[in-house]
Amino acid sequence: MTADEWLPPEGDVHVRIWLAGIVFDYTATAAAARNLIHDWRQRRWCAIELICDTIDDLRLLPRLPCERLFLGS
């Protein structure tokens, strides 16, 4: 399954990034997550998970750092 098939067309999603064995959980817009994954496919510098079934309240997670950069604005 690709990210485009899983991601909703809009709204927020739970993104988990694994970097050097450390886990970072973020909330991001679906558009930013889609663009992040697109960039990641060009050069895989970490592991990324899209968390579908989560008990975490997305409002409690921090926003993806520099999320605006992945929105193209």
N, C-alpha and C. Protein backbone atom coordinates (compact mmCIF):
# COMPACT_ATOMS: atom_id res chain seq x y z
N MET A 1 0.84 -1.17 0.00
CA MET A 1 0.00 0.00 0.00
C MET A 1 0.89 1.24 0.00
N THR A 2 0.57 2.18 -0.86
CA THR A 2 1.36 3.40 -0.93
C THR A 2 0.76 4.47 -0.01
N ALA A 3 1.55 5.50 0.23
CA ALA A 3 1.08 6.59 1.09
C ALA A 3 -0.14 7.26 0.48
N ASP A 4 -0.18 7.40 -0.83
CA ASP A 4 -1.32 8.05 -1.48
C ASP A 4 -2.61 7.26 -1.27
N GLU A 5 -2.51 5.94 -1.19
CA GLU A 5 -3.69 5.12 -0.96
C GLU A 5 -4.16 5.22 0.48
N TRP A 6 -3.23 5.39 1.41
CA TRP A 6 -3.59 5.40 2.83
C TRP A 6 -4.00 6.77 3.32
N LEU A 7 -3.32 7.81 2.88
CA LEU A 7 -3.54 9.15 3.42
C LEU A 7 -4.91 9.69 3.02
N PRO A 8 -5.60 10.31 3.96
CA PRO A 8 -6.86 10.97 3.59
C PRO A 8 -6.56 12.19 2.72
N PRO A 9 -7.53 12.67 1.97
CA PRO A 9 -7.28 13.82 1.10
C PRO A 9 -6.99 15.10 1.88
N GLU A 10 -7.49 15.20 3.11
CA GLU A 10 -7.23 16.38 3.94
C GLU A 10 -7.31 15.99 5.41
N GLY A 11 -6.98 16.94 6.27
CA GLY A 11 -6.99 16.68 7.70
C GLY A 11 -5.61 16.36 8.22
N ASP A 12 -5.54 16.00 9.49
CA ASP A 12 -4.27 15.70 10.14
C ASP A 12 -4.06 14.19 10.24
N VAL A 13 -2.79 13.80 10.22
CA VAL A 13 -2.40 12.40 10.37
C VAL A 13 -1.29 12.29 11.40
N HIS A 14 -1.08 11.09 11.89
CA HIS A 14 -0.03 10.78 12.86
C HIS A 14 1.17 10.23 12.07
N VAL A 15 2.28 10.93 12.15
CA VAL A 15 3.51 10.54 11.45
C VAL A 15 4.54 10.16 12.51
N ARG A 16 5.13 8.99 12.35
CA ARG A 16 6.20 8.55 13.25
C ARG A 16 7.49 8.47 12.45
N ILE A 17 8.52 9.15 12.93
CA ILE A 17 9.82 9.17 12.26
C ILE A 17 10.83 8.50 13.17
N TRP A 18 11.55 7.53 12.63
CA TRP A 18 12.62 6.84 13.34
C TRP A 18 13.94 7.38 12.80
N LEU A 19 14.75 7.95 13.69
CA LEU A 19 16.03 8.51 13.29
C LEU A 19 17.08 8.06 14.29
N ALA A 20 18.03 7.29 13.83
CA ALA A 20 19.12 6.78 14.68
C ALA A 20 18.58 6.05 15.91
N GLY A 21 17.52 5.27 15.72
CA GLY A 21 16.96 4.48 16.81
C GLY A 21 16.07 5.25 17.77
N ILE A 22 15.81 6.51 17.50
CA ILE A 22 14.95 7.33 18.35
C ILE A 22 13.65 7.59 17.60
N VAL A 23 12.54 7.51 18.33
CA VAL A 23 11.21 7.70 17.74
C VAL A 23 10.71 9.11 17.99
N PHE A 24 10.17 9.72 16.94
CA PHE A 24 9.55 11.05 17.04
C PHE A 24 8.14 10.93 16.48
N ASP A 25 7.15 11.28 17.28
CA ASP A 25 5.75 11.26 16.85
C ASP A 25 5.27 12.68 16.63
N TYR A 26 4.62 12.89 15.48
CA TYR A 26 4.14 14.22 15.13
C TYR A 26 2.75 14.15 14.52
N THR A 27 2.08 15.28 14.57
CA THR A 27 0.86 15.50 13.81
C THR A 27 1.24 16.35 12.61
N ALA A 28 0.70 16.01 11.45
CA ALA A 28 0.95 16.80 10.25
C ALA A 28 -0.28 16.76 9.37
N THR A 29 -0.42 17.76 8.53
CA THR A 29 -1.51 17.69 7.57
C THR A 29 -1.23 16.56 6.59
N ALA A 30 -2.28 16.02 6.02
CA ALA A 30 -2.11 14.93 5.06
C ALA A 30 -1.25 15.38 3.88
N ALA A 31 -1.42 16.63 3.45
CA ALA A 31 -0.64 17.15 2.33
C ALA A 31 0.85 17.22 2.68
N ALA A 32 1.17 17.69 3.89
CA ALA A 32 2.57 17.76 4.31
C ALA A 32 3.16 16.37 4.44
N ALA A 33 2.41 15.42 4.98
CA ALA A 33 2.91 14.05 5.10
C ALA A 33 3.15 13.45 3.73
N ARG A 34 2.26 13.70 2.79
CA ARG A 34 2.42 13.19 1.42
C ARG A 34 3.70 13.74 0.79
N ASN A 35 3.95 15.05 0.96
CA ASN A 35 5.15 15.67 0.40
C ASN A 35 6.41 15.20 1.12
N LEU A 36 6.33 15.01 2.43
CA LEU A 36 7.46 14.48 3.19
C LEU A 36 7.85 13.10 2.67
N ILE A 37 6.88 12.26 2.45
CA ILE A 37 7.15 10.91 1.96
C ILE A 37 7.70 10.95 0.53
N HIS A 38 7.18 11.86 -0.28
CA HIS A 38 7.70 12.02 -1.64
C HIS A 38 9.19 12.39 -1.60
N ASP A 39 9.55 13.37 -0.76
CA ASP A 39 10.96 13.76 -0.61
C ASP A 39 11.79 12.62 -0.05
N TRP A 40 11.24 11.91 0.91
CA TRP A 40 11.95 10.80 1.54
C TRP A 40 12.29 9.71 0.52
N ARG A 41 11.41 9.47 -0.42
CA ARG A 41 11.66 8.45 -1.45
C ARG A 41 12.87 8.79 -2.31
N GLN A 42 13.18 10.08 -2.44
CA GLN A 42 14.34 10.50 -3.22
C GLN A 42 15.65 10.17 -2.51
N ARG A 43 15.63 10.30 -1.19
CA ARG A 43 16.83 10.00 -0.37
C ARG A 43 16.36 9.57 1.00
N ARG A 44 16.45 8.30 1.28
CA ARG A 44 15.92 7.74 2.54
C ARG A 44 16.90 7.96 3.68
N TRP A 45 16.60 8.98 4.48
CA TRP A 45 17.50 9.37 5.57
C TRP A 45 16.97 8.95 6.93
N CYS A 46 15.79 8.34 6.97
CA CYS A 46 15.19 7.86 8.21
C CYS A 46 14.12 6.84 7.84
N ALA A 47 13.43 6.32 8.83
CA ALA A 47 12.27 5.45 8.58
C ALA A 47 11.03 6.24 8.97
N ILE A 48 9.98 6.12 8.16
CA ILE A 48 8.74 6.86 8.40
C ILE A 48 7.59 5.88 8.48
N GLU A 49 6.72 6.07 9.47
CA GLU A 49 5.50 5.29 9.60
C GLU A 49 4.31 6.23 9.60
N LEU A 50 3.24 5.82 8.96
CA LEU A 50 1.97 6.51 9.07
C LEU A 50 1.10 5.68 9.99
N ILE A 51 0.74 6.22 11.13
CA ILE A 51 0.00 5.47 12.13
C ILE A 51 -1.50 5.63 11.84
N CYS A 52 -2.13 4.54 11.49
CA CYS A 52 -3.54 4.57 11.11
C CYS A 52 -4.44 4.46 12.33
N ASP A 53 -4.29 3.41 13.09
CA ASP A 53 -5.11 3.19 14.28
C ASP A 53 -4.31 3.62 15.50
N THR A 54 -4.66 4.77 16.04
CA THR A 54 -3.92 5.29 17.17
C THR A 54 -4.89 5.68 18.28
N ILE A 55 -4.48 5.44 19.50
CA ILE A 55 -5.28 5.89 20.63
C ILE A 55 -4.82 7.28 21.08
N ASP A 56 -3.69 7.73 20.53
CA ASP A 56 -3.18 9.05 20.87
C ASP A 56 -4.09 10.13 20.30
N ASP A 57 -4.30 11.16 21.08
CA ASP A 57 -5.05 12.31 20.60
C ASP A 57 -4.08 13.15 19.77
N LEU A 58 -4.38 13.32 18.49
CA LEU A 58 -3.48 14.06 17.61
C LEU A 58 -3.23 15.48 18.09
N ARG A 59 -4.19 16.04 18.83
CA ARG A 59 -4.00 17.40 19.33
C ARG A 59 -2.90 17.48 20.37
N LEU A 60 -2.55 16.35 20.99
CA LEU A 60 -1.52 16.35 22.02
C LEU A 60 -0.11 16.16 21.45
N LEU A 61 -0.03 15.70 20.22
CA LEU A 61 1.28 15.50 19.59
C LEU A 61 1.79 16.83 19.04
N PRO A 62 3.10 17.02 19.05
CA PRO A 62 3.64 18.25 18.45
C PRO A 62 3.45 18.22 16.93
N ARG A 63 3.39 19.40 16.33
CA ARG A 63 3.30 19.50 14.88
C ARG A 63 4.64 19.11 14.27
N LEU A 64 4.62 18.60 13.07
CA LEU A 64 5.84 18.27 12.34
C LEU A 64 6.70 19.51 12.22
N PRO A 65 7.97 19.46 12.66
CA PRO A 65 8.82 20.64 12.54
C PRO A 65 8.92 21.10 11.07
N CYS A 66 8.87 22.36 10.87
CA CYS A 66 8.97 22.96 9.53
C CYS A 66 7.89 22.41 8.59
N GLU A 67 6.73 22.13 9.14
CA GLU A 67 5.63 21.57 8.35
C GLU A 67 5.31 22.44 7.13
N ARG A 68 5.41 23.73 7.28
CA ARG A 68 5.13 24.65 6.15
C ARG A 68 6.01 24.38 4.96
N LEU A 69 7.25 23.94 5.19
CA LEU A 69 8.15 23.64 4.08
C LEU A 69 7.61 22.49 3.22
N PHE A 70 6.91 21.55 3.86
CA PHE A 70 6.37 20.42 3.13
C PHE A 70 5.01 20.73 2.51
N LEU A 71 4.48 21.91 2.82
CA LEU A 71 3.24 22.35 2.21
C LEU A 71 3.49 23.22 0.99
N GLY A 72 4.75 23.60 0.80
CA GLY A 72 5.10 24.42 -0.36
C GLY A 72 4.72 25.88 -0.21
N SER A 73 4.46 26.33 1.02
CA SER A 73 4.10 27.74 1.20
C SER A 73 5.18 28.50 1.91
